[in-house]
Amino acid sequence: MEGLLAILSKVGFDWQVAFANLVNFLIIFFILKHLAFKPLQKVIEKRKSEIQAGLDDTALAKTNLLTAEQKKEEILMIARQEANDIIAKAKETGDSLVVKKTEEAQLEYNKIITDGKKKSQKEFERMEREVRGQAASLIVASVEKILNEDLDEKQDKKLRERALDMMRQ
């Protein structure tokens, strides 16, 4: 070992200075470790935990967003189904209303036709009575002319009734 020290001293190495430098280095290292490295380590750890919390919050937000998207799709599907049900119900109600109104219109049409037929029948019967009465008067007038004599009221009435009876047959 002495040979090594002799070689080192020839190169300009002083072990006492090296030892003193080592002690100074260790003192500065322990001072920096306690005063600078530990606070820096705490700041770095705090920053890491903040970054990790941010990443966790981001992952949670993405999960919540996906859940919200799924809920939105479910709500939209339910809303579409309800809308389709409402439309189907409205169509069914409209169709039944159309059928009902068509039936009512048909009944009203039938009533109008029936009333019209009744009125026509009554008008026909009234006109038939009128024509018969006029025909009977014409027959009586013709018979008077043929007979060339005036009939009294009793004969006139009797002749009219006979003419009407003949027309009814």
Protein backbone atom coordinates (compact mmCIF):
# COMPACT_ATOMS: atom_id res chain seq x y z
CA MET A 1 0.00 0.00 0.00
CA GLU A 2 2.87 2.25 0.55
CA GLY A 3 3.85 1.86 -3.10
CA LEU A 4 0.43 3.03 -4.10
CA LEU A 5 0.71 6.09 -1.88
CA ALA A 6 4.12 6.88 -3.32
CA ILE A 7 2.78 6.63 -6.87
CA LEU A 8 -0.21 8.76 -5.97
CA SER A 9 1.95 11.40 -4.29
CA LYS A 10 4.11 11.61 -7.41
CA VAL A 11 0.98 12.38 -9.46
CA GLY A 12 0.03 15.11 -7.00
CA PHE A 13 -2.51 13.19 -4.95
CA ASP A 14 -2.66 14.11 -1.27
CA TRP A 15 -4.69 11.66 0.75
CA GLN A 16 -5.27 14.19 3.56
CA VAL A 17 -6.81 16.62 1.09
CA ALA A 18 -8.84 13.79 -0.44
CA PHE A 19 -10.02 12.75 3.01
CA ALA A 20 -10.91 16.35 3.86
CA ASN A 21 -12.74 16.65 0.52
CA LEU A 22 -14.61 13.42 1.30
CA VAL A 23 -15.65 14.71 4.74
CA ASN A 24 -16.72 18.06 3.19
CA PHE A 25 -18.67 16.20 0.50
CA LEU A 26 -20.46 14.04 3.10
CA ILE A 27 -21.31 17.09 5.25
CA ILE A 28 -22.65 19.01 2.24
CA PHE A 29 -24.51 15.88 1.05
CA PHE A 30 -26.25 15.41 4.44
CA ILE A 31 -27.08 19.14 4.62
CA LEU A 32 -28.48 19.14 1.09
CA LYS A 33 -30.32 15.88 1.74
CA HIS A 34 -32.09 17.27 4.77
CA LEU A 35 -32.55 20.85 3.66
CA ALA A 36 -33.02 20.57 -0.11
CA PHE A 37 -33.62 17.00 -1.28
CA LYS A 38 -36.32 16.10 1.29
CA PRO A 39 -38.44 19.23 0.58
CA LEU A 40 -37.88 18.74 -3.13
CA GLN A 41 -38.85 15.08 -2.76
CA LYS A 42 -42.01 16.13 -0.88
CA VAL A 43 -42.89 18.66 -3.62
CA ILE A 44 -42.27 16.02 -6.29
CA GLU A 45 -44.42 13.46 -4.42
CA LYS A 46 -47.17 16.03 -3.91
CA ARG A 47 -47.05 16.91 -7.60
CA LYS A 48 -47.17 13.21 -8.54
CA SER A 49 -50.21 12.67 -6.31
CA GLU A 50 -51.93 15.71 -7.86
CA ILE A 51 -51.21 14.42 -11.35
CA GLN A 52 -52.46 10.95 -10.38
CA ALA A 53 -55.62 12.48 -8.87
CA GLY A 54 -56.14 14.40 -12.10
CA LEU A 55 -55.71 11.22 -14.12
CA ASP A 56 -58.11 9.37 -11.81
CA ASP A 57 -60.64 12.20 -12.12
CA THR A 58 -60.27 12.08 -15.91
CA ALA A 59 -60.89 8.32 -15.91
CA LEU A 60 -63.91 8.81 -13.63
CA ALA A 61 -65.22 11.58 -15.89
CA LYS A 62 -64.83 9.32 -18.93
CA THR A 63 -66.70 6.55 -17.12
CA ASN A 64 -69.43 8.98 -16.08
CA LEU A 65 -69.63 10.29 -19.65
CA LEU A 66 -70.05 6.76 -21.01
CA THR A 67 -72.70 6.03 -18.39
CA ALA A 68 -74.49 9.28 -19.25
CA GLU A 69 -74.33 8.42 -22.96
CA GLN A 70 -75.86 4.99 -22.26
CA LYS A 71 -78.59 6.56 -20.12
CA LYS A 72 -79.22 9.14 -22.85
CA GLU A 73 -79.61 6.36 -25.42
CA GLU A 74 -81.97 4.46 -23.11
CA ILE A 75 -84.04 7.60 -22.50
CA LEU A 76 -84.13 8.33 -26.23
CA MET A 77 -85.24 4.75 -26.97
CA ILE A 78 -87.97 5.01 -24.32
CA ALA A 79 -89.03 8.41 -25.68
CA ARG A 80 -89.12 7.04 -29.24
CA GLN A 81 -91.19 4.07 -28.10
CA GLU A 82 -93.58 6.35 -26.21
CA ALA A 83 -93.83 8.63 -29.25
CA ASN A 84 -94.56 5.63 -31.49
CA ASP A 85 -97.19 4.44 -29.00
CA ILE A 86 -98.78 7.88 -28.92
CA ILE A 87 -98.76 8.05 -32.72
CA ALA A 88 -100.26 4.56 -32.98
CA LYS A 89 -102.92 5.45 -30.42
CA ALA A 90 -103.69 8.71 -32.23
CA LYS A 91 -103.91 6.85 -35.54
CA GLU A 92 -106.20 4.26 -33.96
CA THR A 93 -108.35 7.00 -32.43
CA GLY A 94 -108.41 8.85 -35.74
CA ASP A 95 -109.36 5.69 -37.63
CA SER A 96 -112.13 4.89 -35.16
CA LEU A 97 -113.32 8.50 -35.37
CA VAL A 98 -113.37 8.27 -39.17
CA VAL A 99 -115.35 5.01 -38.96
CA LYS A 100 -117.74 6.53 -36.43
CA LYS A 101 -118.27 9.70 -38.47
CA THR A 102 -118.69 7.63 -41.63
CA GLU A 103 -121.36 5.55 -39.90
CA GLU A 104 -123.06 8.70 -38.61
CA ALA A 105 -122.96 10.20 -42.11
CA GLN A 106 -124.38 6.97 -43.56
CA LEU A 107 -127.19 7.03 -40.97
CA GLU A 108 -127.87 10.70 -41.74
CA TYR A 109 -127.83 9.88 -45.47
CA ASN A 110 -130.25 7.00 -44.93
CA LYS A 111 -132.50 9.24 -42.81
CA ILE A 112 -132.48 11.95 -45.48
CA ILE A 113 -133.28 9.37 -48.18
CA THR A 114 -136.07 7.85 -46.06
CA ASP A 115 -137.50 11.28 -45.26
CA GLY A 116 -137.26 12.23 -48.93
CA LYS A 117 -139.06 9.04 -49.95
CA LYS A 118 -141.76 9.66 -47.36
CA LYS A 119 -142.20 13.25 -48.55
CA SER A 120 -142.21 12.10 -52.16
CA GLN A 121 -144.80 9.43 -51.32
CA LYS A 122 -146.97 11.96 -49.48
CA GLU A 123 -146.62 14.45 -52.33
CA PHE A 124 -147.44 11.70 -54.82
CA GLU A 125 -150.51 10.70 -52.80
CA ARG A 126 -151.62 14.34 -52.51
CA MET A 127 -151.16 14.86 -56.24
CA GLU A 128 -152.95 11.58 -56.95
CA ARG A 129 -155.92 12.72 -54.83
CA GLU A 130 -155.87 16.05 -56.59
CA VAL A 131 -155.73 14.41 -60.01
CA ARG A 132 -158.52 12.01 -59.06
CA GLY A 133 -160.60 14.88 -57.79
CA GLN A 134 -160.00 16.80 -60.99
CA ALA A 135 -160.62 13.67 -63.07
CA ALA A 136 -163.87 13.05 -61.20
CA SER A 137 -164.90 16.67 -61.81
CA LEU A 138 -164.05 16.26 -65.50
CA ILE A 139 -166.00 13.02 -65.67
CA VAL A 140 -169.01 14.62 -64.00
CA ALA A 141 -168.74 17.61 -66.33
CA SER A 142 -168.44 15.28 -69.29
CA VAL A 143 -171.42 13.24 -68.17
CA GLU A 144 -173.45 16.45 -67.70
CA LYS A 145 -172.58 17.54 -71.20
CA ILE A 146 -173.31 14.12 -72.58
CA LEU A 147 -176.60 13.99 -70.78
CA ASN A 148 -177.20 17.62 -71.43
CA GLU A 149 -178.69 18.15 -68.12
CA ASP A 150 -177.67 19.68 -64.88
CA LEU A 151 -177.23 17.32 -62.02
CA ASP A 152 -178.21 18.33 -58.63
CA GLU A 153 -175.77 18.27 -55.80
CA LYS A 154 -176.77 14.84 -54.58
CA GLN A 155 -176.41 13.26 -58.01
CA ASP A 156 -173.16 15.11 -58.60
CA LYS A 157 -171.69 13.78 -55.35
CA LYS A 158 -172.86 10.23 -56.07
CA LEU A 159 -171.38 10.30 -59.57
CA ARG A 160 -168.05 11.62 -58.30
CA GLU A 161 -167.81 8.88 -55.66
CA ARG A 162 -168.47 6.21 -58.26
CA ALA A 163 -165.82 7.66 -60.57
CA LEU A 164 -163.33 7.75 -57.72
CA ASP A 165 -164.12 4.17 -56.75
CA MET A 166 -163.53 3.08 -60.32
CA MET A 167 -160.16 4.89 -60.44
CA ARG A 168 -158.99 3.26 -57.24
CA GLN A 169 -159.47 -0.16 -58.66
